PDB file of N, CA and C in Angstrom:
ATOM      1  N   MET A   1      16.555-150.453   8.699  1.00  0.00           N
ATOM      2  CA  MET A   1      17.777-150.164   9.435  1.00  0.00           C
ATOM      3  C   MET A   1      18.933-150.131   8.436  1.00  0.00           C
ATOM      4  N   SER A   2      19.813-149.220   8.620  1.00  0.00           N
ATOM      5  CA  SER A   2      20.984-149.151   7.750  1.00  0.00           C
ATOM      6  C   SER A   2      21.973-150.252   8.130  1.00  0.00           C
ATOM      7  N   GLN A   3      22.946-150.457   7.290  1.00  0.00           N
ATOM      8  CA  GLN A   3      23.967-151.470   7.562  1.00  0.00           C
ATOM      9  C   GLN A   3      24.736-151.098   8.824  1.00  0.00           C
ATOM     10  N   PRO A   4      25.158-152.106   9.578  1.00  0.00           N
ATOM     11  CA  PRO A   4      25.924-151.835  10.801  1.00  0.00           C
ATOM     12  C   PRO A   4      27.248-151.149  10.480  1.00  0.00           C
ATOM     13  N   THR A   5      27.683-150.320  11.396  1.00  0.00           N
ATOM     14  CA  THR A   5      28.982-149.672  11.234  1.00  0.00           C
ATOM     15  C   THR A   5      30.088-150.693  11.524  1.00  0.00           C
ATOM     16  N   ASP A   6      31.290-150.370  11.098  1.00  0.00           N
ATOM     17  CA  ASP A   6      32.432-151.244  11.385  1.00  0.00           C
ATOM     18  C   ASP A   6      32.583-151.446  12.886  1.00  0.00           C
ATOM     19  N   GLU A   7      32.380-150.377  13.635  1.00  0.00           N
ATOM     20  CA  GLU A   7      32.503-150.447  15.099  1.00  0.00           C
ATOM     21  C   GLU A   7      31.455-151.397  15.688  1.00  0.00           C
ATOM     22  N   GLU A   8      30.219-151.331  15.197  1.00  0.00           N
ATOM     23  CA  GLU A   8      29.168-152.220  15.683  1.00  0.00           C
ATOM     24  C   GLU A   8      29.500-153.680  15.371  1.00  0.00           C
ATOM     25  N   VAL A   9      30.056-153.917  14.203  1.00  0.00           N
ATOM     26  CA  VAL A   9      30.433-155.272  13.813  1.00  0.00           C
ATOM     27  C   VAL A   9      31.506-155.810  14.757  1.00  0.00           C
ATOM     28  N   VAL A  10      32.531-155.017  14.998  1.00  0.00           N
ATOM     29  CA  VAL A  10      33.633-155.443  15.874  1.00  0.00           C
ATOM     30  C   VAL A  10      33.130-155.687  17.293  1.00  0.00           C
ATOM     31  N   GLU A  11      32.313-154.779  17.815  1.00  0.00           N
ATOM     32  CA  GLU A  11      31.785-154.931  19.172  1.00  0.00           C
ATOM     33  C   GLU A  11      30.911-156.172  19.295  1.00  0.00           C
ATOM     34  N   THR A  12      30.062-156.400  18.302  1.00  0.00           N
ATOM     35  CA  THR A  12      29.176-157.564  18.313  1.00  0.00           C
ATOM     36  C   THR A  12      29.983-158.852  18.330  1.00  0.00           C
ATOM     37  N   ALA A  13      30.987-158.926  17.476  1.00  0.00           N
ATOM     38  CA  ALA A  13      31.822-160.128  17.403  1.00  0.00           C
ATOM     39  C   ALA A  13      32.581-160.356  18.705  1.00  0.00           C
ATOM     40  N   ALA A  14      33.178-159.315  19.227  1.00  0.00           N
ATOM     41  CA  ALA A  14      33.968-159.441  20.454  1.00  0.00           C
ATOM     42  C   ALA A  14      33.097-159.854  21.638  1.00  0.00           C
ATOM     43  N   GLU A  15      31.922-159.253  21.764  1.00  0.00           N
ATOM     44  CA  GLU A  15      31.024-159.595  22.863  1.00  0.00           C
ATOM     45  C   GLU A  15      30.541-161.034  22.760  1.00  0.00           C
ATOM     46  N   ALA A  16      30.246-161.488  21.546  1.00  0.00           N
ATOM     47  CA  ALA A  16      29.792-162.864  21.359  1.00  0.00           C
ATOM     48  C   ALA A  16      30.887-163.857  21.731  1.00  0.00           C
ATOM     49  N   ALA A  17      32.101-163.583  21.298  1.00  0.00           N
ATOM     50  CA  ALA A  17      33.221-164.480  21.607  1.00  0.00           C
ATOM     51  C   ALA A  17      33.485-164.532  23.112  1.00  0.00           C
ATOM     52  N   GLU A  18      33.532-163.379  23.741  1.00  0.00           N
ATOM     53  CA  GLU A  18      33.781-163.337  25.176  1.00  0.00           C
ATOM     54  C   GLU A  18      32.648-164.024  25.941  1.00  0.00           C
ATOM     55  N   GLY A  19      31.433-163.798  25.503  1.00  0.00           N
ATOM     56  CA  GLY A  19      30.293-164.438  26.156  1.00  0.00           C
ATOM     57  C   GLY A  19      30.377-165.953  26.101  1.00  0.00           C
ATOM     58  N   LEU A  20      30.791-166.483  24.957  1.00  0.00           N
ATOM     59  CA  LEU A  20      30.915-167.928  24.847  1.00  0.00           C
ATOM     60  C   LEU A  20      32.033-168.459  25.734  1.00  0.00           C
ATOM     61  N   ILE A  21      33.152-167.775  25.780  1.00  0.00           N
ATOM     62  CA  ILE A  21      34.272-168.223  26.625  1.00  0.00           C
ATOM     63  C   ILE A  21      33.801-168.387  28.068  1.00  0.00           C
ATOM     64  N   PHE A  22      33.083-167.383  28.571  1.00  0.00           N
ATOM     65  CA  PHE A  22      32.673-167.436  29.970  1.00  0.00           C
ATOM     66  C   PHE A  22      31.396-168.226  30.195  1.00  0.00           C
ATOM     67  N   ALA A  23      30.762-168.660  29.127  1.00  0.00           N
ATOM     68  CA  ALA A  23      29.670-169.620  29.260  1.00  0.00           C
ATOM     69  C   ALA A  23      30.240-171.036  29.407  1.00  0.00           C
ATOM     70  N   ARG A  24      31.432-171.246  28.863  1.00  0.00           N
ATOM     71  CA  ARG A  24      32.070-172.568  28.909  1.00  0.00           C
ATOM     72  C   ARG A  24      33.001-172.738  30.111  1.00  0.00           C
ATOM     73  N   PHE A  25      33.649-171.661  30.530  1.00  0.00           N
ATOM     74  CA  PHE A  25      34.593-171.715  31.643  1.00  0.00           C
ATOM     75  C   PHE A  25      34.187-170.716  32.718  1.00  0.00           C
ATOM     76  N   LYS A  26      34.375-171.115  33.967  1.00  0.00           N
ATOM     77  CA  LYS A  26      34.242-170.140  35.044  1.00  0.00           C
ATOM     78  C   LYS A  26      35.371-169.137  34.870  1.00  0.00           C
ATOM     79  N   GLN A  27      35.099-167.900  35.172  1.00  0.00           N
ATOM     80  CA  GLN A  27      36.099-166.854  34.987  1.00  0.00           C
ATOM     81  C   GLN A  27      37.378-167.163  35.770  1.00  0.00           C
ATOM     82  N   SER A  28      37.252-167.784  36.920  1.00  0.00           N
ATOM     83  CA  SER A  28      38.427-168.094  37.744  1.00  0.00           C
ATOM     84  C   SER A  28      39.318-169.157  37.103  1.00  0.00           C
ATOM     85  N   ARG A  29      38.799-169.943  36.166  1.00  0.00           N
ATOM     86  CA  ARG A  29      39.602-170.979  35.503  1.00  0.00           C
ATOM     87  C   ARG A  29      40.389-170.421  34.326  1.00  0.00           C
ATOM     88  N   VAL A  30      40.031-169.233  33.867  1.00  0.00           N
ATOM     89  CA  VAL A  30      40.702-168.630  32.713  1.00  0.00           C
ATOM     90  C   VAL A  30      41.811-167.715  33.220  1.00  0.00           C
ATOM     91  N   LYS A  31      43.044-168.078  32.897  1.00  0.00           N
ATOM     92  CA  LYS A  31      44.189-167.259  33.318  1.00  0.00           C
ATOM     93  C   LYS A  31      44.328-166.030  32.433  1.00  0.00           C
ATOM     94  N   ASP A  32      44.033-166.211  31.149  1.00  0.00           N
ATOM     95  CA  ASP A  32      44.167-165.112  30.193  1.00  0.00           C
ATOM     96  C   ASP A  32      43.342-165.457  28.962  1.00  0.00           C
ATOM     97  N   PHE A  33      42.859-164.423  28.291  1.00  0.00           N
ATOM     98  CA  PHE A  33      42.202-164.633  27.009  1.00  0.00           C
ATOM     99  C   PHE A  33      42.366-163.365  26.189  1.00  0.00           C
ATOM    100  N   ASP A  34      42.276-163.544  24.889  1.00  0.00           N
ATOM    101  CA  ASP A  34      42.385-162.406  23.988  1.00  0.00           C
ATOM    102  C   ASP A  34      41.451-162.640  22.817  1.00  0.00           C
ATOM    103  N   VAL A  35      40.664-161.640  22.522  1.00  0.00           N
ATOM    104  CA  VAL A  35      39.787-161.677  21.357  1.00  0.00           C
ATOM    105  C   VAL A  35      40.178-160.496  20.481  1.00  0.00           C
ATOM    106  N   THR A  36      40.652-160.794  19.289  1.00  0.00           N
ATOM    107  CA  THR A  36      41.042-159.754  18.343  1.00  0.00           C
ATOM    108  C   THR A  36      40.095-159.819  17.154  1.00  0.00           C
ATOM    109  N   VAL A  37      39.442-158.704  16.889  1.00  0.00           N
ATOM    110  CA  VAL A  37      38.481-158.649  15.796  1.00  0.00           C
ATOM    111  C   VAL A  37      38.827-157.473  14.899  1.00  0.00           C
ATOM    112  N   THR A  38      38.882-157.726  13.603  1.00  0.00           N
ATOM    113  CA  THR A  38      39.009-156.647  12.631  1.00  0.00           C
ATOM    114  C   THR A  38      37.923-156.818  11.588  1.00  0.00           C
ATOM    115  N   PHE A  39      37.480-155.697  11.063  1.00  0.00           N
ATOM    116  CA  PHE A  39      36.478-155.694  10.001  1.00  0.00           C
ATOM    117  C   PHE A  39      36.866-154.585   9.036  1.00  0.00           C
ATOM    118  N   GLU A  40      37.452-155.000   7.930  1.00  0.00           N
ATOM    119  CA  GLU A  40      37.922-154.036   6.943  1.00  0.00           C
ATOM    120  C   GLU A  40      37.470-154.470   5.558  1.00  0.00           C
ATOM    121  N   ASP A  41      36.944-153.531   4.798  1.00  0.00           N
ATOM    122  CA  ASP A  41      36.492-153.792   3.429  1.00  0.00           C
ATOM    123  C   ASP A  41      35.542-154.977   3.367  1.00  0.00           C
ATOM    124  N   GLY A  42      34.673-155.092   4.377  1.00  0.00           N
ATOM    125  CA  GLY A  42      33.684-156.155   4.391  1.00  0.00           C
ATOM    126  C   GLY A  42      34.208-157.519   4.791  1.00  0.00           C
ATOM    127  N   VAL A  43      35.443-157.578   5.257  1.00  0.00           N
ATOM    128  CA  VAL A  43      36.043-158.855   5.646  1.00  0.00           C
ATOM    129  C   VAL A  43      36.216-158.887   7.167  1.00  0.00           C
ATOM    130  N   LEU A  44      35.616-159.892   7.777  1.00  0.00           N
ATOM    131  CA  LEU A  44      35.702-160.070   9.230  1.00  0.00           C
ATOM    132  C   LEU A  44      36.813-161.057   9.546  1.00  0.00           C
ATOM    133  N   ASP A  45      37.676-160.687  10.479  1.00  0.00           N
ATOM    134  CA  ASP A  45      38.738-161.572  10.946  1.00  0.00           C
ATOM    135  C   ASP A  45      38.636-161.640  12.464  1.00  0.00           C
ATOM    136  N   VAL A  46      38.490-162.853  12.979  1.00  0.00           N
ATOM    137  CA  VAL A  46      38.355-163.059  14.418  1.00  0.00           C
ATOM    138  C   VAL A  46      39.429-164.044  14.867  1.00  0.00           C
ATOM    139  N   ASP A  47      40.201-163.642  15.862  1.00  0.00           N
ATOM    140  CA  ASP A  47      41.233-164.503  16.432  1.00  0.00           C
ATOM    141  C   ASP A  47      40.995-164.565  17.939  1.00  0.00           C
ATOM    142  N   VAL A  48      40.886-165.775  18.455  1.00  0.00           N
ATOM    143  CA  VAL A  48      40.599-165.951  19.879  1.00  0.00           C
ATOM    144  C   VAL A  48      41.666-166.840  20.504  1.00  0.00           C
ATOM    145  N   TYR A  49      42.168-166.395  21.647  1.00  0.00           N
ATOM    146  CA  TYR A  49      43.144-167.158  22.432  1.00  0.00           C
ATOM    147  C   TYR A  49      42.581-167.305  23.832  1.00  0.00           C
ATOM    148  N   VAL A  50      42.612-168.528  24.346  1.00  0.00           N
ATOM    149  CA  VAL A  50      42.153-168.784  25.710  1.00  0.00           C
ATOM    150  C   VAL A  50      43.225-169.586  26.431  1.00  0.00           C
ATOM    151  N   ASN A  51      43.644-169.095  27.603  1.00  0.00           N
ATOM    152  CA  ASN A  51      44.600-169.802  28.440  1.00  0.00           C
ATOM    153  C   ASN A  51      43.859-170.261  29.687  1.00  0.00           C
ATOM    154  N   ALA A  52      43.528-171.548  29.687  1.00  0.00           N
ATOM    155  CA  ALA A  52      42.910-172.180  30.845  1.00  0.00           C
ATOM    156  C   ALA A  52      43.753-173.415  31.161  1.00  0.00           C
ATOM    157  N   PRO A  53      44.818-173.243  31.939  1.00  0.00           N
ATOM    158  CA  PRO A  53      45.815-174.295  32.131  1.00  0.00           C
ATOM    159  C   PRO A  53      45.262-175.651  32.570  1.00  0.00           C
ATOM    160  N   ASP A  54      44.221-175.633  33.372  1.00  0.00           N
ATOM    161  CA  ASP A  54      43.662-176.894  33.851  1.00  0.00           C
ATOM    162  C   ASP A  54      42.888-177.630  32.756  1.00  0.00           C
ATOM    163  N   ASP A  55      42.540-176.926  31.715  1.00  0.00           N
ATOM    164  CA  ASP A  55      41.746-177.495  30.623  1.00  0.00           C
ATOM    165  C   ASP A  55      42.328-177.090  29.274  1.00  0.00           C
ATOM    166  N   ALA A  56      43.600-177.318  29.081  1.00  0.00           N
ATOM    167  CA  ALA A  56      44.284-176.834  27.876  1.00  0.00           C
ATOM    168  C   ALA A  56      43.643-177.353  26.594  1.00  0.00           C
ATOM    169  N   ASP A  57      43.278-178.628  26.541  1.00  0.00           N
ATOM    170  CA  ASP A  57      42.651-179.162  25.332  1.00  0.00           C
ATOM    171  C   ASP A  57      41.289-178.504  25.091  1.00  0.00           C
ATOM    172  N   ASP A  58      40.518-178.368  26.149  1.00  0.00           N
ATOM    173  CA  ASP A  58      39.224-177.717  26.022  1.00  0.00           C
ATOM    174  C   ASP A  58      39.377-176.252  25.638  1.00  0.00           C
ATOM    175  N   ALA A  59      40.415-175.599  26.120  1.00  0.00           N
ATOM    176  CA  ALA A  59      40.617-174.177  25.833  1.00  0.00           C
ATOM    177  C   ALA A  59      40.763-173.934  24.334  1.00  0.00           C
ATOM    178  N   LYS A  60      41.487-174.809  23.656  1.00  0.00           N
ATOM    179  CA  LYS A  60      41.647-174.652  22.209  1.00  0.00           C
ATOM    180  C   LYS A  60      40.307-174.812  21.493  1.00  0.00           C
ATOM    181  N   ALA A  61      39.542-175.800  21.892  1.00  0.00           N
ATOM    182  CA  ALA A  61      38.230-176.020  21.278  1.00  0.00           C
ATOM    183  C   ALA A  61      37.297-174.846  21.562  1.00  0.00           C
ATOM    184  N   VAL A  62      37.339-174.334  22.775  1.00  0.00           N
ATOM    185  CA  VAL A  62      36.492-173.196  23.134  1.00  0.00           C
ATOM    186  C   VAL A  62      36.898-171.957  22.335  1.00  0.00           C
ATOM    187  N   ALA A  63      38.189-171.756  22.136  1.00  0.00           N
ATOM    188  CA  ALA A  63      38.653-170.618  21.338  1.00  0.00           C
ATOM    189  C   ALA A  63      38.118-170.709  19.911  1.00  0.00           C
ATOM    190  N   GLU A  64      38.163-171.896  19.340  1.00  0.00           N
ATOM    191  CA  GLU A  64      37.638-172.079  17.983  1.00  0.00           C
ATOM    192  C   GLU A  64      36.130-171.849  17.944  1.00  0.00           C
ATOM    193  N   GLU A  65      35.427-172.369  18.929  1.00  0.00           N
ATOM    194  CA  GLU A  65      33.980-172.186  19.000  1.00  0.00           C
ATOM    195  C   GLU A  65      33.624-170.708  19.206  1.00  0.00           C
ATOM    196  N   ALA A  66      34.412-170.016  20.004  1.00  0.00           N
ATOM    197  CA  ALA A  66      34.164-168.594  20.244  1.00  0.00           C
ATOM    198  C   ALA A  66      34.337-167.791  18.957  1.00  0.00           C
ATOM    199  N   ALA A  67      35.328-168.127  18.153  1.00  0.00           N
ATOM    200  CA  ALA A  67      35.533-167.430  16.879  1.00  0.00           C
ATOM    201  C   ALA A  67      34.349-167.675  15.942  1.00  0.00           C
ATOM    202  N   LEU A  68      33.862-168.902  15.891  1.00  0.00           N
ATOM    203  CA  LEU A  68      32.696-169.211  15.057  1.00  0.00           C
ATOM    204  C   LEU A  68      31.443-168.497  15.560  1.00  0.00           C
ATOM    205  N   THR A  69      31.294-168.447  16.867  1.00  0.00           N
ATOM    206  CA  THR A  69      30.148-167.753  17.465  1.00  0.00           C
ATOM    207  C   THR A  69      30.187-166.265  17.131  1.00  0.00           C
ATOM    208  N   ALA A  70      31.371-165.684  17.138  1.00  0.00           N
ATOM    209  CA  ALA A  70      31.521-164.273  16.783  1.00  0.00           C
ATOM    210  C   ALA A  70      31.093-164.043  15.335  1.00  0.00           C
ATOM    211  N   GLN A  71      31.509-164.923  14.454  1.00  0.00           N
ATOM    212  CA  GLN A  71      31.137-164.797  13.041  1.00  0.00           C
ATOM    213  C   GLN A  71      29.629-164.935  12.857  1.00  0.00           C
ATOM    214  N   GLU A  72      29.025-165.883  13.558  1.00  0.00           N
ATOM    215  CA  GLU A  72      27.578-166.071  13.481  1.00  0.00           C
ATOM    216  C   GLU A  72      26.828-164.845  13.995  1.00  0.00           C
ATOM    217  N   ALA A  73      27.326-164.245  15.069  1.00  0.00           N
ATOM    218  CA  ALA A  73      26.687-163.055  15.625  1.00  0.00           C
ATOM    219  C   ALA A  73      26.710-161.911  14.618  1.00  0.00           C
ATOM    220  N   VAL A  74      27.803-161.780  13.898  1.00  0.00           N
ATOM    221  CA  VAL A  74      27.903-160.727  12.875  1.00  0.00           C
ATOM    222  C   VAL A  74      26.966-161.043  11.711  1.00  0.00           C
ATOM    223  N   ASP A  75      26.885-162.297  11.313  1.00  0.00           N
ATOM    224  CA  ASP A  75      25.934-162.684  10.254  1.00  0.00           C
ATOM    225  C   ASP A  75      24.516-162.308  10.656  1.00  0.00           C
ATOM    226  N   GLU A  76      24.157-162.570  11.915  1.00  0.00           N
ATOM    227  CA  GLU A  76      22.821-162.234  12.417  1.00  0.00           C
ATOM    228  C   GLU A  76      22.608-160.722  12.438  1.00  0.00           C
ATOM    229  N   LEU A  77      23.650-159.989  12.776  1.00  0.00           N
ATOM    230  CA  LEU A  77      23.570-158.526  12.795  1.00  0.00           C
ATOM    231  C   LEU A  77      23.237-157.997  11.394  1.00  0.00           C
ATOM    232  N   PHE A  78      23.920-158.506  10.384  1.00  0.00           N
ATOM    233  CA  PHE A  78      23.660-158.072   9.017  1.00  0.00           C
ATOM    234  C   PHE A  78      22.294-158.560   8.524  1.00  0.00           C
ATOM    235  N   ALA A  79      21.904-159.754   8.911  1.00  0.00           N
ATOM    236  CA  ALA A  79      20.590-160.288   8.518  1.00  0.00           C
ATOM    237  C   ALA A  79      19.466-159.422   9.086  1.00  0.00           C
ATOM    238  N   ALA A  80      19.623-159.003  10.334  1.00  0.00           N
ATOM    239  CA  ALA A  80      18.617-158.133  10.961  1.00  0.00           C
ATOM    240  C   ALA A  80      18.542-156.789  10.244  1.00  0.00           C
ATOM    241  N   ALA A  81      19.690-156.276   9.827  1.00  0.00           N
ATOM    242  CA  ALA A  81      19.724-154.999   9.118  1.00  0.00           C
ATOM    243  C   ALA A  81      19.051-155.121   7.760  1.00  0.00           C
ATOM    244  N   ASP A  82      19.223-156.271   7.106  1.00  0.00           N
ATOM    245  CA  ASP A  82      18.618-156.487   5.785  1.00  0.00           C
ATOM    246  C   ASP A  82      17.108-156.657   5.856  1.00  0.00           C
ATOM    247  N   GLU A  83      16.611-157.140   6.997  1.00  0.00           N
ATOM    248  CA  GLU A  83      15.170-157.364   7.161  1.00  0.00           C
ATOM    249  C   GLU A  83      14.399-156.073   7.310  1.00  0.00           C
ATOM    250  N   GLU A  84      15.057-155.035   7.749  1.00  0.00           N
ATOM    251  CA  GLU A  84      14.344-153.772   7.993  1.00  0.00           C
ATOM    252  C   GLU A  84      14.395-152.859   6.814  1.00  0.00           C
TER     253      GLU A  84
END
């Protein structure tokens, strides 16, 4: 398999982050969230914001975990490409 495209990297990261957010919080508890992913010159940047007013402390931790999960998903994407 060839290396993933920039678009595939961004989509993979964004989907992983969003998936983790909604695995931790019911959608009705999240007032707003934003996942910003860029991948330029081989550098991945993931920024996650979660607004869950009833769980503000947890929201920050979940945002950090979602960003890490996005990075891990991209690492796995590249690892799979290298195996083929």
